[in-house]
Amino acid sequence: MPPHVLIIDDDRDICMVKKAQLELDGAFKVTVATEPRKGLKLARSKQPDLILLDIMMPGKDGFEVLNELKNDIETTSIPVIMHTGVDENESRQRAVELYNEDYVLKTADRATLVAVITKALARRTKY
């Protein structure tokens, strides 16, 4: 069975594009949450292999969601990749402080995104 990726992003169009890219050739199984609270619930109930998390979302931003994920015993071990349009050092540093796995821009092509996810999943299986 392919690795399960949960995308948490309020932009439905981005979610559908990334879902299609990741599911191409059966590489990944993808679940989408367009609301941060729903994403947190899905992370707990579905236990995905990895989460792609947007930063700028209404209600709870990605940093708040990341903090909750990493402070919850049920989700703390799930690798989280910040998947965002925000390309600034301050955001990258804050994500690292909250124990994200990696940081990739939404403009990244499919090959780059798949490589980052594959690398994160490989690190997870080593521990």
Protein backbone atom coordinates (compact mmCIF):
# COMPACT_ATOMS: atom_id res chain seq x y z
CA MET A 1 0.00 0.00 0.00
CA PRO A 2 1.39 3.45 -0.86
CA PRO A 3 2.30 5.89 1.92
CA HIS A 4 -0.62 7.99 3.16
CA VAL A 5 -0.15 11.78 2.97
CA LEU A 6 -2.50 14.24 4.66
CA ILE A 7 -2.59 17.72 3.11
CA ILE A 8 -3.82 20.50 5.42
CA ASP A 9 -4.31 23.67 3.37
CA ASP A 10 -7.23 26.09 3.11
CA ASP A 11 -6.73 26.56 -0.66
CA ARG A 12 -8.90 23.89 -2.30
CA ASP A 13 -7.32 24.39 -5.73
CA ILE A 14 -3.80 23.85 -4.38
CA CYS A 15 -5.03 20.76 -2.51
CA MET A 16 -6.55 19.23 -5.63
CA VAL A 17 -3.44 19.93 -7.75
CA LYS A 18 -1.07 18.50 -5.14
CA LYS A 19 -3.37 15.51 -4.52
CA ALA A 20 -3.38 14.72 -8.26
CA GLN A 21 0.40 15.11 -8.48
CA LEU A 22 1.05 12.85 -5.50
CA GLU A 23 -1.45 10.18 -6.49
CA LEU A 24 0.01 9.97 -10.01
CA ASP A 25 1.17 6.42 -10.73
CA GLY A 26 -0.13 5.32 -7.32
CA ALA A 27 2.88 6.86 -5.57
CA PHE A 28 0.87 8.07 -2.54
CA LYS A 29 -2.61 7.89 -1.07
CA VAL A 30 -3.73 11.45 -0.27
CA THR A 31 -6.35 12.82 2.10
CA VAL A 32 -7.18 16.53 2.08
CA ALA A 33 -8.35 18.83 4.87
CA THR A 34 -9.15 22.44 3.97
CA GLU A 35 -9.72 23.47 7.58
CA PRO A 36 -7.02 23.27 10.27
CA ARG A 37 -9.30 21.75 12.92
CA LYS A 38 -10.48 19.06 10.52
CA GLY A 39 -6.85 18.39 9.63
CA LEU A 40 -5.99 17.83 13.29
CA LYS A 41 -8.91 15.41 13.65
CA LEU A 42 -7.90 13.52 10.52
CA ALA A 43 -4.28 13.33 11.70
CA ARG A 44 -5.46 11.65 14.89
CA SER A 45 -8.00 9.33 13.30
CA LYS A 46 -6.23 8.38 10.05
CA GLN A 47 -2.63 8.37 11.35
CA PRO A 48 -1.10 9.36 7.99
CA ASP A 49 2.51 8.55 7.22
CA LEU A 50 3.23 12.24 6.59
CA ILE A 51 1.51 15.63 6.70
CA LEU A 52 1.93 18.51 4.23
CA LEU A 53 0.96 21.63 6.17
CA ASP A 54 0.28 25.14 4.91
CA ILE A 55 1.30 28.08 7.11
CA MET A 56 -1.20 30.82 6.29
CA MET A 57 -4.70 29.58 7.12
CA PRO A 58 -7.70 31.19 8.83
CA GLY A 59 -8.58 30.19 12.37
CA LYS A 60 -5.31 28.41 13.17
CA ASP A 61 -2.14 29.02 11.25
CA GLY A 62 0.21 26.21 10.33
CA PHE A 63 2.53 26.94 13.24
CA GLU A 64 -0.33 26.48 15.72
CA VAL A 65 -1.33 23.24 14.00
CA LEU A 66 2.28 22.01 13.97
CA ASN A 67 2.61 22.80 17.66
CA GLU A 68 -0.56 20.83 18.44
CA LEU A 69 0.57 17.89 16.32
CA LYS A 70 3.97 17.71 18.00
CA ASN A 71 2.49 18.04 21.50
CA ASP A 72 -0.09 15.29 21.03
CA ILE A 73 1.03 11.74 21.86
CA GLU A 74 -1.14 10.40 19.01
CA THR A 75 0.48 12.56 16.32
CA THR A 76 3.90 13.56 17.58
CA SER A 77 5.76 10.98 15.49
CA ILE A 78 4.10 11.90 12.18
CA PRO A 79 6.58 13.81 10.00
CA VAL A 80 5.31 17.26 9.00
CA ILE A 81 6.53 19.15 5.97
CA MET A 82 5.63 22.82 5.83
CA HIS A 83 4.16 23.33 2.35
CA THR A 84 3.74 27.03 1.83
CA GLY A 85 4.03 30.08 -0.34
CA VAL A 86 5.94 31.86 2.44
CA ASP A 87 9.63 31.91 1.55
CA GLU A 88 11.27 33.73 4.42
CA ASN A 89 13.95 32.73 6.87
CA GLU A 90 11.88 33.67 9.92
CA SER A 91 9.15 31.20 8.94
CA ARG A 92 11.69 28.48 8.18
CA GLN A 93 13.36 29.00 11.57
CA ARG A 94 10.07 28.95 13.44
CA ALA A 95 9.11 25.70 11.70
CA VAL A 96 12.43 24.11 12.69
CA GLU A 97 11.91 25.18 16.30
CA LEU A 98 8.55 23.38 16.26
CA TYR A 99 10.15 20.19 14.88
CA ASN A 100 8.94 20.17 11.33
CA GLU A 101 10.59 17.66 9.02
CA ASP A 102 11.20 19.93 6.04
CA TYR A 103 9.99 23.07 4.28
CA VAL A 104 8.96 23.17 0.63
CA LEU A 105 7.35 25.92 -1.39
CA LYS A 106 3.99 25.42 -3.09
CA THR A 107 5.65 26.34 -6.37
CA ALA A 108 7.87 23.24 -6.19
CA ASP A 109 7.40 20.83 -9.06
CA ARG A 110 6.16 17.28 -8.58
CA ALA A 111 9.65 15.74 -8.65
CA THR A 112 10.89 18.05 -5.90
CA LEU A 113 7.83 17.49 -3.73
CA VAL A 114 8.02 13.70 -4.12
CA ALA A 115 11.76 13.77 -3.32
CA VAL A 116 11.20 15.78 -0.13
CA ILE A 117 8.39 13.47 0.99
CA THR A 118 10.37 10.33 0.17
CA LYS A 119 13.39 11.64 2.10
CA ALA A 120 11.23 12.45 5.15
CA LEU A 121 9.59 9.02 5.06
CA ALA A 122 12.99 7.31 4.76
CA ARG A 123 14.22 9.16 7.86
CA ARG A 124 11.13 8.08 9.76
CA THR A 125 11.69 4.40 9.05
CA LYS A 126 15.25 4.60 10.39
CA TYR A 127 14.05 5.44 13.91
